[in-house]
Amino acid sequence: MTTCYYIRKLLTKYADELKSFIVAGAGMVADSKSDLNHVLESLYLEESEISLAARELEVLAQLHQNLSNQNNSNISVSGQLAEVERRIFWILGLKKN
């Protein structure tokens, strides 16, 4: 799945800046080597929540990729990229320092 690969690249890129906000032991902590499906299953209780999170990650990863291919000198694009990244990480129980 290209979505997982793309998100793992983002997790690798920001590994030093990310930290979990999930209570210790309450769910898996996502990193670049994680099975993202297992992470979602550990963080969300309902099957519908897991499916919704997975679909949202797919859309956000594609949006991030599209924005990344645009001119990054544009402040608006940079801000949109940062917001998309924040949303991706939040779904995975992470936030940037």
C-alpha atoms as a PDB file:
ATOM      1  CA  MET A   1       0.000   0.000   0.000  1.00  0.00           C
ATOM      2  CA  THR A   2       1.521   3.302  -1.062  1.00  0.00           C
ATOM      3  CA  THR A   3      -0.239   5.197   1.731  1.00  0.00           C
ATOM      4  CA  CYS A   4       1.618   3.220   4.403  1.00  0.00           C
ATOM      5  CA  TYR A   5       4.929   3.723   2.609  1.00  0.00           C
ATOM      6  CA  TYR A   6       4.323   7.467   2.270  1.00  0.00           C
ATOM      7  CA  ILE A   7       3.327   7.878   5.920  1.00  0.00           C
ATOM      8  CA  ARG A   8       6.340   5.831   7.044  1.00  0.00           C
ATOM      9  CA  LYS A   9       8.548   8.258   5.089  1.00  0.00           C
ATOM     10  CA  LEU A  10       6.957  11.161   6.992  1.00  0.00           C
ATOM     11  CA  LEU A  11       7.443   9.328  10.297  1.00  0.00           C
ATOM     12  CA  THR A  12      11.105   8.811   9.429  1.00  0.00           C
ATOM     13  CA  LYS A  13      11.563  12.435   8.389  1.00  0.00           C
ATOM     14  CA  TYR A  14      10.158  13.770  11.664  1.00  0.00           C
ATOM     15  CA  ALA A  15      11.202  10.929  14.006  1.00  0.00           C
ATOM     16  CA  ASP A  16      13.192  13.241  16.297  1.00  0.00           C
ATOM     17  CA  GLU A  17      10.324  15.749  16.551  1.00  0.00           C
ATOM     18  CA  LEU A  18       7.397  13.390  17.215  1.00  0.00           C
ATOM     19  CA  LYS A  19       6.101  12.192  20.541  1.00  0.00           C
ATOM     20  CA  SER A  20       3.099  10.129  21.501  1.00  0.00           C
ATOM     21  CA  PHE A  21       0.312  11.770  23.448  1.00  0.00           C
ATOM     22  CA  ILE A  22      -1.371   8.416  24.145  1.00  0.00           C
ATOM     23  CA  VAL A  23      -1.262   7.148  27.735  1.00  0.00           C
ATOM     24  CA  ALA A  24       1.546   4.603  28.091  1.00  0.00           C
ATOM     25  CA  GLY A  25       0.216   1.116  27.387  1.00  0.00           C
ATOM     26  CA  ALA A  26      -3.071   2.347  25.943  1.00  0.00           C
ATOM     27  CA  GLY A  27      -2.007   1.774  22.341  1.00  0.00           C
ATOM     28  CA  MET A  28       0.940   1.189  20.072  1.00  0.00           C
ATOM     29  CA  VAL A  29       3.268   4.096  19.367  1.00  0.00           C
ATOM     30  CA  ALA A  30       3.616   4.634  15.632  1.00  0.00           C
ATOM     31  CA  ASP A  31       7.054   4.831  14.077  1.00  0.00           C
ATOM     32  CA  SER A  32       8.565   4.246  10.653  1.00  0.00           C
ATOM     33  CA  LYS A  33       8.688   0.472  11.200  1.00  0.00           C
ATOM     34  CA  SER A  34       5.154   0.088  12.563  1.00  0.00           C
ATOM     35  CA  ASP A  35       2.374  -1.777  10.842  1.00  0.00           C
ATOM     36  CA  LEU A  36       0.024   1.196  10.574  1.00  0.00           C
ATOM     37  CA  ASN A  37      -3.052  -1.050  10.514  1.00  0.00           C
ATOM     38  CA  HIS A  38      -2.014  -2.533  13.881  1.00  0.00           C
ATOM     39  CA  VAL A  39      -1.385   0.953  15.244  1.00  0.00           C
ATOM     40  CA  LEU A  40      -4.882   2.070  14.236  1.00  0.00           C
ATOM     41  CA  GLU A  41      -6.414  -1.109  15.687  1.00  0.00           C
ATOM     42  CA  SER A  42      -4.655  -0.418  18.996  1.00  0.00           C
ATOM     43  CA  LEU A  43      -5.734   3.235  19.124  1.00  0.00           C
ATOM     44  CA  TYR A  44      -9.374   2.997  18.039  1.00  0.00           C
ATOM     45  CA  LEU A  45     -11.958   0.715  19.625  1.00  0.00           C
ATOM     46  CA  GLU A  46     -14.692   0.501  17.014  1.00  0.00           C
ATOM     47  CA  GLU A  47     -14.239  -1.037  13.573  1.00  0.00           C
ATOM     48  CA  SER A  48     -15.969   2.008  12.072  1.00  0.00           C
ATOM     49  CA  GLU A  49     -13.443   4.332  13.774  1.00  0.00           C
ATOM     50  CA  ILE A  50     -10.536   2.250  12.453  1.00  0.00           C
ATOM     51  CA  SER A  51     -11.963   2.355   8.918  1.00  0.00           C
ATOM     52  CA  LEU A  52     -12.593   6.086   9.120  1.00  0.00           C
ATOM     53  CA  ALA A  53      -9.057   6.765  10.385  1.00  0.00           C
ATOM     54  CA  ALA A  54      -7.564   4.587   7.628  1.00  0.00           C
ATOM     55  CA  ARG A  55      -9.597   6.373   4.934  1.00  0.00           C
ATOM     56  CA  GLU A  56      -8.658   9.777   6.334  1.00  0.00           C
ATOM     57  CA  LEU A  57      -4.975   8.797   6.323  1.00  0.00           C
ATOM     58  CA  GLU A  58      -5.264   7.770   2.670  1.00  0.00           C
ATOM     59  CA  VAL A  59      -6.817  11.110   1.712  1.00  0.00           C
ATOM     60  CA  LEU A  60      -4.330  13.112   3.786  1.00  0.00           C
ATOM     61  CA  ALA A  61      -1.335  11.219   2.381  1.00  0.00           C
ATOM     62  CA  GLN A  62      -2.512  11.892  -1.164  1.00  0.00           C
ATOM     63  CA  LEU A  63      -3.162  15.560  -0.344  1.00  0.00           C
ATOM     64  CA  HIS A  64       0.298  15.848   1.236  1.00  0.00           C
ATOM     65  CA  GLN A  65       1.886  14.303  -1.831  1.00  0.00           C
ATOM     66  CA  ASN A  66       0.017  16.701  -4.139  1.00  0.00           C
ATOM     67  CA  LEU A  67       0.977  19.720  -2.029  1.00  0.00           C
ATOM     68  CA  SER A  68       4.600  18.546  -1.872  1.00  0.00           C
ATOM     69  CA  ASN A  69       4.737  18.515  -5.660  1.00  0.00           C
ATOM     70  CA  GLN A  70       3.690  22.175  -5.782  1.00  0.00           C
ATOM     71  CA  ASN A  71       6.008  25.114  -5.364  1.00  0.00           C
ATOM     72  CA  ASN A  72       7.144  24.892  -1.725  1.00  0.00           C
ATOM     73  CA  SER A  73       8.238  28.543  -1.688  1.00  0.00           C
ATOM     74  CA  ASN A  74       4.550  29.435  -1.512  1.00  0.00           C
ATOM     75  CA  ILE A  75       3.736  30.258   2.137  1.00  0.00           C
ATOM     76  CA  SER A  76       0.162  29.050   1.729  1.00  0.00           C
ATOM     77  CA  VAL A  77       1.335  25.640   0.485  1.00  0.00           C
ATOM     78  CA  SER A  78       3.858  25.364   3.317  1.00  0.00           C
ATOM     79  CA  GLY A  79       1.121  26.113   5.856  1.00  0.00           C
ATOM     80  CA  GLN A  80      -1.214  23.588   4.262  1.00  0.00           C
ATOM     81  CA  LEU A  81       1.542  20.950   4.305  1.00  0.00           C
ATOM     82  CA  ALA A  82       2.173  21.585   7.999  1.00  0.00           C
ATOM     83  CA  GLU A  83      -1.552  21.251   8.772  1.00  0.00           C
ATOM     84  CA  VAL A  84      -1.863  18.009   6.781  1.00  0.00           C
ATOM     85  CA  GLU A  85       1.171  16.604   8.603  1.00  0.00           C
ATOM     86  CA  ARG A  86      -0.310  17.630  11.954  1.00  0.00           C
ATOM     87  CA  ARG A  87      -3.563  15.823  11.101  1.00  0.00           C
ATOM     88  CA  ILE A  88      -1.745  12.669   9.923  1.00  0.00           C
ATOM     89  CA  PHE A  89       0.331  12.513  13.089  1.00  0.00           C
ATOM     90  CA  TRP A  90      -2.678  13.258  15.309  1.00  0.00           C
ATOM     91  CA  ILE A  91      -4.614  10.301  13.858  1.00  0.00           C
ATOM     92  CA  LEU A  92      -1.626   8.136  14.761  1.00  0.00           C
ATOM     93  CA  GLY A  93      -1.512   9.475  18.333  1.00  0.00           C
ATOM     94  CA  LEU A  94       1.529  11.671  17.713  1.00  0.00           C
ATOM     95  CA  LYS A  95       2.331  15.352  17.845  1.00  0.00           C
ATOM     96  CA  LYS A  96       5.367  17.372  16.877  1.00  0.00           C
ATOM     97  CA  ASN A  97       7.391  19.011  19.653  1.00  0.00           C
END
